[in-house]
N, C-alpha and C. Protein backbone atom coordinates (compact mmCIF):
# COMPACT_ATOMS: atom_id res chain seq x y z
N UNK A 1 0.84 -1.16 0.00
CA UNK A 1 0.00 0.00 0.00
C UNK A 1 0.90 1.24 0.00
N UNK A 2 0.62 2.10 -0.93
CA UNK A 2 1.46 3.29 -1.07
C UNK A 2 0.98 4.41 -0.17
N UNK A 3 1.80 5.42 -0.07
CA UNK A 3 1.44 6.59 0.75
C UNK A 3 0.21 7.28 0.18
N UNK A 4 0.05 7.22 -1.13
CA UNK A 4 -1.13 7.80 -1.77
C UNK A 4 -2.40 7.07 -1.33
N UNK A 5 -2.39 5.76 -1.28
CA UNK A 5 -3.55 4.98 -0.84
C UNK A 5 -3.89 5.27 0.62
N UNK A 6 -2.89 5.37 1.47
CA UNK A 6 -3.11 5.67 2.89
C UNK A 6 -3.73 7.05 3.06
N UNK A 7 -3.20 8.04 2.33
CA UNK A 7 -3.74 9.40 2.44
C UNK A 7 -5.17 9.46 1.92
N UNK A 8 -5.45 8.68 0.89
CA UNK A 8 -6.79 8.61 0.33
C UNK A 8 -7.77 8.04 1.36
N UNK A 9 -7.41 6.98 2.09
CA UNK A 9 -8.24 6.38 3.14
C UNK A 9 -8.44 7.34 4.30
N UNK A 10 -7.37 8.04 4.69
CA UNK A 10 -7.47 9.01 5.78
C UNK A 10 -8.42 10.13 5.38
N UNK A 11 -8.33 10.60 4.15
CA UNK A 11 -9.20 11.66 3.66
C UNK A 11 -10.67 11.23 3.74
N UNK A 12 -10.99 10.01 3.30
CA UNK A 12 -12.35 9.52 3.36
C UNK A 12 -12.82 9.34 4.81
N UNK A 13 -11.94 8.95 5.69
CA UNK A 13 -12.28 8.82 7.11
C UNK A 13 -12.63 10.19 7.68
N UNK A 14 -11.87 11.21 7.34
CA UNK A 14 -12.14 12.58 7.81
C UNK A 14 -13.50 13.06 7.29
N UNK A 15 -13.78 12.78 6.02
CA UNK A 15 -15.06 13.18 5.43
C UNK A 15 -16.22 12.48 6.15
N UNK A 16 -16.07 11.20 6.46
CA UNK A 16 -17.12 10.45 7.15
C UNK A 16 -17.37 11.02 8.54
N UNK A 17 -16.33 11.35 9.28
CA UNK A 17 -16.47 11.92 10.63
C UNK A 17 -17.14 13.29 10.55
N UNK A 18 -16.72 14.13 9.60
CA UNK A 18 -17.33 15.45 9.45
C UNK A 18 -18.81 15.33 9.10
N UNK A 19 -19.15 14.43 8.24
CA UNK A 19 -20.55 14.23 7.85
C UNK A 19 -21.38 13.82 9.06
N UNK A 20 -20.86 12.91 9.86
CA UNK A 20 -21.56 12.47 11.07
C UNK A 20 -21.84 13.67 11.98
N UNK A 21 -20.85 14.51 12.26
CA UNK A 21 -21.03 15.64 13.16
C UNK A 21 -21.97 16.69 12.58
N UNK A 22 -21.95 16.90 11.29
CA UNK A 22 -22.86 17.86 10.66
C UNK A 22 -24.30 17.37 10.82
N UNK A 23 -24.53 16.08 10.63
CA UNK A 23 -25.87 15.51 10.80
C UNK A 23 -26.32 15.66 12.26
N UNK A 24 -25.45 15.41 13.22
CA UNK A 24 -25.80 15.53 14.65
C UNK A 24 -26.15 16.97 15.01
N UNK A 25 -25.39 17.92 14.50
CA UNK A 25 -25.66 19.34 14.76
C UNK A 25 -27.02 19.72 14.18
N UNK A 26 -27.31 19.23 12.97
CA UNK A 26 -28.61 19.50 12.35
C UNK A 26 -29.76 18.95 13.16
N UNK A 27 -29.61 17.75 13.70
CA UNK A 27 -30.66 17.16 14.54
C UNK A 27 -30.91 17.98 15.79
N UNK A 28 -29.83 18.42 16.44
CA UNK A 28 -29.97 19.23 17.65
C UNK A 28 -30.69 20.53 17.35
N UNK A 29 -30.39 21.15 16.22
CA UNK A 29 -31.03 22.42 15.87
C UNK A 29 -32.53 22.21 15.65
N UNK A 30 -32.93 21.13 15.00
CA UNK A 30 -34.34 20.85 14.76
C UNK A 30 -35.07 20.62 16.08
N UNK A 31 -34.48 19.87 17.00
CA UNK A 31 -35.11 19.60 18.30
C UNK A 31 -35.23 20.88 19.10
N UNK A 32 -34.18 21.70 19.13
CA UNK A 32 -34.20 22.96 19.87
C UNK A 32 -35.27 23.89 19.32
N UNK A 33 -35.36 24.00 18.01
CA UNK A 33 -36.36 24.85 17.38
C UNK A 33 -37.77 24.36 17.72
N UNK A 34 -37.98 23.07 17.67
CA UNK A 34 -39.30 22.50 17.98
C UNK A 34 -39.67 22.78 19.43
N UNK A 35 -38.72 22.63 20.35
CA UNK A 35 -39.00 22.88 21.77
C UNK A 35 -39.33 24.34 22.02
N UNK A 36 -38.63 25.25 21.35
CA UNK A 36 -38.88 26.68 21.54
C UNK A 36 -40.23 27.10 21.00
N UNK A 37 -40.73 26.40 19.97
CA UNK A 37 -42.00 26.75 19.37
C UNK A 37 -43.16 25.97 19.96
N UNK A 38 -42.89 25.09 20.92
CA UNK A 38 -43.93 24.24 21.48
C UNK A 38 -44.97 25.08 22.23
N UNK A 39 -46.20 24.82 21.95
CA UNK A 39 -47.31 25.49 22.62
C UNK A 39 -47.65 24.70 23.88
N UNK A 40 -47.76 25.39 24.98
CA UNK A 40 -48.08 24.71 26.23
C UNK A 40 -49.60 24.65 26.36
N UNK A 41 -50.11 23.44 26.47
CA UNK A 41 -51.55 23.27 26.57
C UNK A 41 -51.92 22.86 27.99
N UNK A 42 -53.17 23.13 28.33
CA UNK A 42 -53.69 22.73 29.62
C UNK A 42 -54.14 21.28 29.53
N UNK A 43 -53.91 20.54 30.60
CA UNK A 43 -54.16 19.10 30.62
C UNK A 43 -55.22 18.78 31.67
N UNK A 44 -56.07 17.83 31.38
CA UNK A 44 -57.13 17.38 32.31
C UNK A 44 -58.07 18.53 32.69
N UNK A 45 -58.45 19.34 31.70
CA UNK A 45 -59.34 20.47 31.97
C UNK A 45 -60.75 20.05 32.38
N UNK A 46 -61.12 18.81 32.08
CA UNK A 46 -62.45 18.32 32.46
C UNK A 46 -62.47 17.67 33.84
N UNK A 47 -61.31 17.57 34.45
CA UNK A 47 -61.19 16.95 35.77
C UNK A 47 -61.53 17.97 36.85
N UNK A 48 -62.06 17.50 37.95
CA UNK A 48 -62.24 18.37 39.12
C UNK A 48 -63.52 19.18 39.11
N UNK A 49 -63.51 20.24 39.88
CA UNK A 49 -64.66 21.12 40.04
C UNK A 49 -64.95 21.80 38.71
N UNK A 50 -66.20 21.85 38.33
CA UNK A 50 -66.60 22.41 37.03
C UNK A 50 -66.27 23.89 36.93
N UNK A 51 -65.87 24.30 35.73
CA UNK A 51 -65.61 25.72 35.46
C UNK A 51 -66.90 26.50 35.68
N UNK A 52 -66.77 27.66 36.28
CA UNK A 52 -67.93 28.49 36.57
C UNK A 52 -68.52 28.28 37.95
N UNK A 53 -68.17 27.17 38.60
CA UNK A 53 -68.66 26.92 39.96
C UNK A 53 -67.75 27.62 40.96
N UNK A 54 -68.34 27.99 42.09
CA UNK A 54 -67.56 28.58 43.18
C UNK A 54 -66.75 27.47 43.83
N UNK A 55 -65.49 27.75 44.12
CA UNK A 55 -64.64 26.77 44.77
C UNK A 55 -65.27 26.42 46.12
N UNK A 56 -65.46 25.13 46.42
CA UNK A 56 -66.26 24.73 47.59
C UNK A 56 -65.66 25.04 48.95
N UNK A 57 -64.38 25.29 49.02
CA UNK A 57 -63.79 25.61 50.32
C UNK A 57 -63.24 27.03 50.28
N UNK A 58 -63.68 27.84 51.20
CA UNK A 58 -63.27 29.24 51.25
C UNK A 58 -62.34 29.53 52.43
N UNK A 59 -62.45 28.74 53.47
CA UNK A 59 -61.65 28.97 54.68
C UNK A 59 -60.61 27.87 54.83
N UNK A 60 -59.39 28.27 55.21
CA UNK A 60 -58.28 27.35 55.33
C UNK A 60 -57.49 27.62 56.60
N UNK A 61 -56.93 26.57 57.16
CA UNK A 61 -55.99 26.69 58.27
C UNK A 61 -54.64 26.24 57.73
N UNK A 62 -53.79 27.21 57.45
CA UNK A 62 -52.50 26.86 56.87
C UNK A 62 -51.50 26.52 57.96
N UNK A 63 -50.51 25.76 57.58
CA UNK A 63 -49.45 25.37 58.52
C UNK A 63 -48.53 26.55 58.81
N UNK A 64 -48.33 27.41 57.83
CA UNK A 64 -47.31 28.45 57.96
C UNK A 64 -47.86 29.87 58.01
N UNK A 65 -49.16 30.10 57.77
CA UNK A 65 -49.70 31.46 57.77
C UNK A 65 -50.99 31.59 58.57
N UNK A 66 -51.34 30.59 59.36
CA UNK A 66 -52.55 30.66 60.16
C UNK A 66 -53.81 30.51 59.33
N UNK A 67 -54.94 30.92 59.91
CA UNK A 67 -56.24 30.80 59.25
C UNK A 67 -56.46 31.97 58.31
N UNK A 68 -57.13 31.69 57.20
CA UNK A 68 -57.52 32.76 56.29
C UNK A 68 -58.74 32.34 55.49
N UNK A 69 -59.43 33.35 54.96
CA UNK A 69 -60.67 33.16 54.22
C UNK A 69 -60.50 33.82 52.86
N UNK A 70 -60.75 33.07 51.79
CA UNK A 70 -60.59 33.63 50.45
C UNK A 70 -61.49 34.84 50.23
N UNK A 71 -62.71 34.80 50.74
CA UNK A 71 -63.63 35.91 50.57
C UNK A 71 -63.14 37.19 51.26
N UNK A 72 -62.41 37.02 52.34
CA UNK A 72 -61.91 38.19 53.08
C UNK A 72 -60.60 38.72 52.51
N UNK A 73 -59.82 37.87 51.86
CA UNK A 73 -58.54 38.34 51.32
C UNK A 73 -58.74 39.08 49.99
N UNK A 74 -59.82 38.85 49.31
CA UNK A 74 -60.20 39.53 48.07
C UNK A 74 -59.00 40.05 47.26
N UNK A 75 -58.45 39.21 46.46
CA UNK A 75 -57.34 39.59 45.59
C UNK A 75 -57.89 39.96 44.22
N UNK A 76 -57.49 41.12 43.70
CA UNK A 76 -58.00 41.58 42.42
C UNK A 76 -57.58 40.66 41.28
N UNK A 77 -56.44 39.99 41.42
CA UNK A 77 -55.95 39.09 40.37
C UNK A 77 -56.47 37.69 40.51
N UNK A 78 -57.26 37.43 41.54
CA UNK A 78 -57.83 36.09 41.73
C UNK A 78 -56.99 35.22 42.63
N UNK A 79 -57.17 33.92 42.47
CA UNK A 79 -56.56 32.93 43.35
C UNK A 79 -55.98 31.79 42.53
N UNK A 80 -54.88 31.27 42.98
CA UNK A 80 -54.27 30.10 42.38
C UNK A 80 -54.22 29.04 43.47
N UNK A 81 -54.97 27.96 43.28
CA UNK A 81 -55.02 26.88 44.27
C UNK A 81 -54.30 25.68 43.68
N UNK A 82 -53.22 25.26 44.34
CA UNK A 82 -52.39 24.16 43.83
C UNK A 82 -52.51 22.95 44.74
N UNK A 83 -52.87 21.81 44.17
CA UNK A 83 -52.93 20.55 44.90
C UNK A 83 -51.62 19.81 44.66
N UNK A 84 -50.91 19.49 45.74
CA UNK A 84 -49.64 18.78 45.64
C UNK A 84 -49.57 17.71 46.72
N UNK A 85 -48.51 16.93 46.66
CA UNK A 85 -48.28 15.89 47.66
C UNK A 85 -46.79 15.82 47.98
N UNK A 86 -46.48 15.47 49.20
CA UNK A 86 -45.07 15.36 49.58
C UNK A 86 -44.38 14.21 48.87
N UNK A 87 -45.14 13.22 48.40
CA UNK A 87 -44.56 12.06 47.70
C UNK A 87 -44.55 12.21 46.18
N UNK A 88 -44.99 13.32 45.68
CA UNK A 88 -45.12 13.55 44.24
C UNK A 88 -43.83 14.15 43.66
N UNK A 89 -43.16 13.40 42.80
CA UNK A 89 -41.91 13.88 42.20
C UNK A 89 -42.14 15.08 41.29
N UNK A 90 -43.23 15.08 40.54
CA UNK A 90 -43.55 16.22 39.65
C UNK A 90 -43.81 17.49 40.47
N UNK A 91 -44.39 17.32 41.64
CA UNK A 91 -44.69 18.47 42.49
C UNK A 91 -43.41 19.19 42.90
N UNK A 92 -42.37 18.44 43.14
CA UNK A 92 -41.09 19.04 43.54
C UNK A 92 -40.53 19.94 42.45
N UNK A 93 -40.87 19.64 41.20
CA UNK A 93 -40.43 20.49 40.10
C UNK A 93 -41.29 21.76 39.99
N UNK A 94 -42.50 21.69 40.53
CA UNK A 94 -43.44 22.80 40.43
C UNK A 94 -43.24 23.84 41.54
N UNK A 95 -42.71 23.42 42.69
CA UNK A 95 -42.56 24.36 43.81
C UNK A 95 -41.75 25.61 43.46
N UNK A 96 -40.62 25.48 42.76
CA UNK A 96 -39.89 26.71 42.38
C UNK A 96 -40.73 27.61 41.46
N UNK A 97 -41.55 27.02 40.59
CA UNK A 97 -42.42 27.82 39.73
C UNK A 97 -43.45 28.58 40.56
N UNK A 98 -44.02 27.89 41.56
CA UNK A 98 -44.99 28.54 42.45
C UNK A 98 -44.35 29.69 43.22
N UNK A 99 -43.15 29.45 43.73
CA UNK A 99 -42.45 30.49 44.49
C UNK A 99 -42.23 31.72 43.63
N UNK A 100 -41.73 31.52 42.41
CA UNK A 100 -41.49 32.66 41.50
C UNK A 100 -42.79 33.34 41.12
N UNK A 101 -43.82 32.56 40.83
CA UNK A 101 -45.12 33.14 40.47
C UNK A 101 -45.65 34.00 41.61
N UNK A 102 -45.57 33.47 42.82
CA UNK A 102 -46.07 34.20 44.00
C UNK A 102 -45.33 35.53 44.19
N UNK A 103 -44.04 35.52 43.96
CA UNK A 103 -43.24 36.73 44.12
C UNK A 103 -43.53 37.75 43.01
N UNK A 104 -43.82 37.28 41.81
CA UNK A 104 -44.02 38.17 40.67
C UNK A 104 -45.47 38.63 40.51
N UNK A 105 -46.42 37.94 41.08
CA UNK A 105 -47.84 38.26 40.92
C UNK A 105 -48.49 38.48 42.28
N UNK A 106 -48.21 39.60 42.88
CA UNK A 106 -48.72 39.89 44.22
C UNK A 106 -50.23 40.11 44.23
N UNK A 107 -50.83 40.32 43.05
CA UNK A 107 -52.28 40.51 42.99
C UNK A 107 -53.04 39.19 43.01
N UNK A 108 -52.32 38.06 42.93
CA UNK A 108 -52.94 36.74 42.95
C UNK A 108 -52.58 36.05 44.27
N UNK A 109 -53.60 35.56 44.98
CA UNK A 109 -53.35 34.81 46.22
C UNK A 109 -53.07 33.36 45.86
N UNK A 110 -51.89 32.89 46.18
CA UNK A 110 -51.51 31.50 45.93
C UNK A 110 -51.73 30.70 47.20
N UNK A 111 -52.40 29.56 47.06
CA UNK A 111 -52.65 28.65 48.18
C UNK A 111 -52.22 27.26 47.75
N UNK A 112 -51.38 26.61 48.54
CA UNK A 112 -50.95 25.25 48.24
C UNK A 112 -51.66 24.30 49.20
N UNK A 113 -52.39 23.34 48.63
CA UNK A 113 -53.05 22.30 49.42
C UNK A 113 -52.21 21.05 49.25
N UNK A 114 -51.47 20.67 50.30
CA UNK A 114 -50.47 19.61 50.20
C UNK A 114 -50.87 18.40 51.04
N UNK A 115 -50.87 17.25 50.39
CA UNK A 115 -51.17 16.01 51.09
C UNK A 115 -49.88 15.43 51.65
N UNK A 116 -49.93 15.00 52.91
CA UNK A 116 -48.76 14.41 53.55
C UNK A 116 -48.76 14.67 55.04
N UNK A 117 -47.77 14.13 55.73
CA UNK A 117 -47.68 14.37 57.16
C UNK A 117 -47.08 15.75 57.41
N UNK A 118 -47.40 16.31 58.57
CA UNK A 118 -47.02 17.69 58.87
C UNK A 118 -45.51 17.90 58.81
N UNK A 119 -44.75 16.96 59.30
CA UNK A 119 -43.28 17.10 59.31
C UNK A 119 -42.73 17.20 57.88
N UNK A 120 -43.22 16.36 56.98
CA UNK A 120 -42.77 16.39 55.59
C UNK A 120 -43.20 17.67 54.89
N UNK A 121 -44.40 18.14 55.21
CA UNK A 121 -44.88 19.40 54.62
C UNK A 121 -44.00 20.55 55.08
N UNK A 122 -43.71 20.60 56.37
CA UNK A 122 -42.83 21.67 56.88
C UNK A 122 -41.44 21.60 56.23
N UNK A 123 -40.96 20.40 55.99
CA UNK A 123 -39.67 20.24 55.32
C UNK A 123 -39.74 20.78 53.89
N UNK A 124 -40.83 20.51 53.18
CA UNK A 124 -41.01 21.05 51.82
C UNK A 124 -41.07 22.57 51.83
N UNK A 125 -41.79 23.12 52.81
CA UNK A 125 -41.89 24.58 52.93
C UNK A 125 -40.50 25.18 53.09
N UNK A 126 -39.70 24.55 53.93
CA UNK A 126 -38.33 25.03 54.16
C UNK A 126 -37.44 24.81 52.94
N UNK A 127 -37.45 23.61 52.39
CA UNK A 127 -36.57 23.27 51.26
C UNK A 127 -36.83 24.13 50.04
N UNK A 128 -38.10 24.42 49.76
CA UNK A 128 -38.46 25.15 48.55
C UNK A 128 -38.80 26.61 48.82
N UNK A 129 -38.62 27.05 50.08
CA UNK A 129 -38.86 28.43 50.48
C UNK A 129 -40.25 28.90 50.06
N UNK A 130 -41.24 28.08 50.38
CA UNK A 130 -42.62 28.41 50.02
C UNK A 130 -43.16 29.44 51.00
N UNK A 131 -43.34 30.66 50.53
CA UNK A 131 -43.77 31.75 51.41
C UNK A 131 -45.25 32.09 51.24
N UNK A 132 -45.99 31.20 50.59
CA UNK A 132 -47.43 31.36 50.47
C UNK A 132 -48.10 30.39 51.45
N UNK A 133 -49.40 30.56 51.74
CA UNK A 133 -50.05 29.63 52.66
C UNK A 133 -50.02 28.19 52.14
N UNK A 134 -49.64 27.27 53.01
CA UNK A 134 -49.62 25.85 52.69
C UNK A 134 -50.55 25.15 53.68
N UNK A 135 -51.53 24.43 53.14
CA UNK A 135 -52.56 23.78 53.95
C UNK A 135 -52.39 22.27 53.84
N UNK A 136 -52.37 21.60 54.98
CA UNK A 136 -52.29 20.14 54.99
C UNK A 136 -53.67 19.57 54.65
N UNK A 137 -53.70 18.63 53.68
CA UNK A 137 -54.95 17.99 53.33
C UNK A 137 -54.80 16.47 53.39
N UNK A 138 -55.93 15.79 53.45
CA UNK A 138 -55.98 14.33 53.51
C UNK A 138 -56.65 13.81 52.23
N UNK A 139 -56.55 12.52 51.98
CA UNK A 139 -57.23 11.96 50.80
C UNK A 139 -58.73 12.27 50.78
N UNK A 140 -59.35 12.34 51.94
CA UNK A 140 -60.79 12.66 51.97
C UNK A 140 -61.05 14.09 51.48
N UNK A 141 -60.10 15.00 51.73
CA UNK A 141 -60.23 16.37 51.22
C UNK A 141 -60.13 16.38 49.69
N UNK A 142 -59.24 15.56 49.18
CA UNK A 142 -59.08 15.46 47.72
C UNK A 142 -60.40 15.00 47.10
N UNK A 143 -61.03 14.02 47.72
CA UNK A 143 -62.29 13.50 47.21
C UNK A 143 -63.38 14.56 47.31
N UNK A 144 -63.45 15.24 48.44
CA UNK A 144 -64.47 16.27 48.64
C UNK A 144 -64.29 17.42 47.66
N UNK A 145 -63.04 17.74 47.33
CA UNK A 145 -62.74 18.84 46.41
C UNK A 145 -62.62 18.35 44.96
N UNK A 146 -63.03 17.11 44.73
CA UNK A 146 -63.13 16.53 43.39
C UNK A 146 -61.82 16.56 42.60
N UNK A 147 -60.72 16.41 43.29
CA UNK A 147 -59.42 16.48 42.63
C UNK A 147 -58.63 15.23 42.98
N UNK A 148 -58.12 14.55 41.95
CA UNK A 148 -57.40 13.31 42.19
C UNK A 148 -56.03 13.26 41.53
N UNK A 149 -55.54 14.37 41.02
CA UNK A 149 -54.24 14.41 40.35
C UNK A 149 -53.30 15.39 41.04
N UNK A 150 -52.02 15.13 40.89
CA UNK A 150 -50.98 16.05 41.38
C UNK A 150 -50.00 16.31 40.24
N UNK A 151 -49.41 17.41 40.14
CA UNK A 151 -49.83 18.70 40.69
C UNK A 151 -50.98 19.28 39.87
N UNK A 152 -52.10 19.53 40.51
CA UNK A 152 -53.29 20.04 39.83
C UNK A 152 -53.60 21.44 40.35
N UNK A 153 -53.84 22.37 39.43
CA UNK A 153 -54.03 23.77 39.78
C UNK A 153 -55.40 24.27 39.31
N UNK A 154 -55.98 25.13 40.11
CA UNK A 154 -57.19 25.86 39.74
C UNK A 154 -56.84 27.34 39.73
N UNK A 155 -57.32 28.06 38.71
CA UNK A 155 -57.28 29.52 38.75
C UNK A 155 -58.70 29.98 39.02
N UNK A 156 -58.89 30.72 40.11
CA UNK A 156 -60.20 31.24 40.51
C UNK A 156 -60.22 32.74 40.32
N UNK A 157 -61.35 33.29 39.88
CA UNK A 157 -61.45 34.73 39.76
C UNK A 157 -61.64 35.35 41.15
N UNK A 158 -61.81 36.66 41.21
CA UNK A 158 -61.89 37.33 42.51
C UNK A 158 -63.14 36.96 43.30
N UNK A 159 -64.14 36.33 42.64
CA UNK A 159 -65.33 35.86 43.35
C UNK A 159 -65.21 34.37 43.70
N UNK A 160 -64.03 33.81 43.49
CA UNK A 160 -63.64 32.41 43.76
C UNK A 160 -64.34 31.39 42.85
N UNK A 161 -64.78 31.82 41.67
CA UNK A 161 -65.31 30.89 40.69
C UNK A 161 -64.16 30.27 39.91
N UNK A 162 -64.27 28.97 39.64
CA UNK A 162 -63.26 28.27 38.86
C UNK A 162 -63.30 28.78 37.42
N UNK A 163 -62.18 29.29 36.93
CA UNK A 163 -62.09 29.78 35.55
C UNK A 163 -61.29 28.83 34.67
N UNK A 164 -60.15 28.37 35.16
CA UNK A 164 -59.33 27.41 34.42
C UNK A 164 -58.73 26.43 35.41
N UNK A 165 -58.32 25.26 34.88
CA UNK A 165 -57.74 24.23 35.73
C UNK A 165 -56.91 23.31 34.86
N UNK A 166 -55.88 22.72 35.48
CA UNK A 166 -55.00 21.85 34.70
C UNK A 166 -53.97 21.20 35.61
N UNK A 167 -53.42 20.09 35.12
CA UNK A 167 -52.18 19.57 35.69
C UNK A 167 -51.09 20.51 35.20
N UNK A 168 -50.20 20.89 36.07
CA UNK A 168 -49.13 21.83 35.70
C UNK A 168 -47.79 21.14 35.90
N UNK A 169 -46.99 21.14 34.84
CA UNK A 169 -45.64 20.58 34.91
C UNK A 169 -44.58 21.54 34.39
N UNK A 170 -45.00 22.69 33.89
CA UNK A 170 -44.05 23.60 33.27
C UNK A 170 -44.52 25.04 33.46
N UNK A 171 -43.58 25.96 33.49
CA UNK A 171 -43.90 27.37 33.66
C UNK A 171 -44.85 27.87 32.57
N UNK A 172 -44.66 27.38 31.35
CA UNK A 172 -45.52 27.79 30.25
C UNK A 172 -46.98 27.40 30.49
N UNK A 173 -47.20 26.25 31.09
CA UNK A 173 -48.56 25.83 31.42
C UNK A 173 -49.16 26.72 32.51
N UNK A 174 -48.35 27.07 33.50
CA UNK A 174 -48.83 27.93 34.58
C UNK A 174 -49.23 29.29 34.04
N UNK A 175 -48.40 29.86 33.18
CA UNK A 175 -48.72 31.15 32.58
C UNK A 175 -50.01 31.07 31.77
N UNK A 176 -50.14 30.01 31.00
CA UNK A 176 -51.35 29.85 30.18
C UNK A 176 -52.59 29.70 31.05
N UNK A 177 -52.49 28.93 32.13
CA UNK A 177 -53.61 28.74 33.04
C UNK A 177 -54.12 30.09 33.55
N UNK A 178 -53.20 30.93 34.00
CA UNK A 178 -53.59 32.23 34.57
C UNK A 178 -54.07 33.18 33.47
N UNK A 179 -53.36 33.22 32.34
CA UNK A 179 -53.78 34.11 31.24
C UNK A 179 -55.17 33.77 30.74
N UNK A 180 -55.43 32.48 30.50
CA UNK A 180 -56.75 32.07 30.03
C UNK A 180 -57.81 32.34 31.10
N UNK A 181 -57.46 32.11 32.35
CA UNK A 181 -58.39 32.38 33.44
C UNK A 181 -58.76 33.86 33.53
N UNK A 182 -57.78 34.71 33.33
CA UNK A 182 -58.04 36.16 33.36
C UNK A 182 -58.88 36.58 32.16
N UNK A 183 -58.65 35.98 31.01
CA UNK A 183 -59.46 36.30 29.83
C UNK A 183 -60.91 35.90 30.05
N UNK A 184 -61.11 34.73 30.63
CA UNK A 184 -62.48 34.25 30.88
C UNK A 184 -63.16 35.10 31.94
N UNK A 185 -62.38 35.68 32.84
CA UNK A 185 -62.95 36.56 33.86
C UNK A 185 -63.37 37.88 33.24
N UNK A 186 -62.58 38.37 32.28
CA UNK A 186 -62.85 39.66 31.66
C UNK A 186 -64.06 39.61 30.72
N UNK A 187 -64.36 38.43 30.20
CA UNK A 187 -65.45 38.29 29.23
C UNK A 187 -66.79 38.34 29.90
């Protein structure tokens, strides 16, 4: 085998490697573009308390903020009621979103209804720096409030009527839930 044959094989090897990397870069660009253009939709909108109905519980005893009444707190931006559980892995991803939302939207009262033992709930409050009211609930509360999924959110208008609802797993879904809820309130 001559030096010419060896250089020819090396050249083809270089071309093959470059082609492979160009194809991989192209695939990444397509996936990134698709993710950026993805529309966040609301999930399980037919689950739970019917839209237009008043949320059945108005008074809460929170673990970290004492007792409060939705009718007395009257928030102009409405209410965001989040059902979570201490054993729910998806819920742990939602807590930072709730914290940021609560800090950025002071006109909306955020209430977290969390299933679990008090010690675990207090640990979640501390770990995720949840500075909104967190209420301990039991499975019977979930049944009474017609909600069986986690993390499940309701957006209520200022009169505590259910406007939108969904399982929330991403910030885009949370924004859509509130935006659509506010639109339905304005109509």
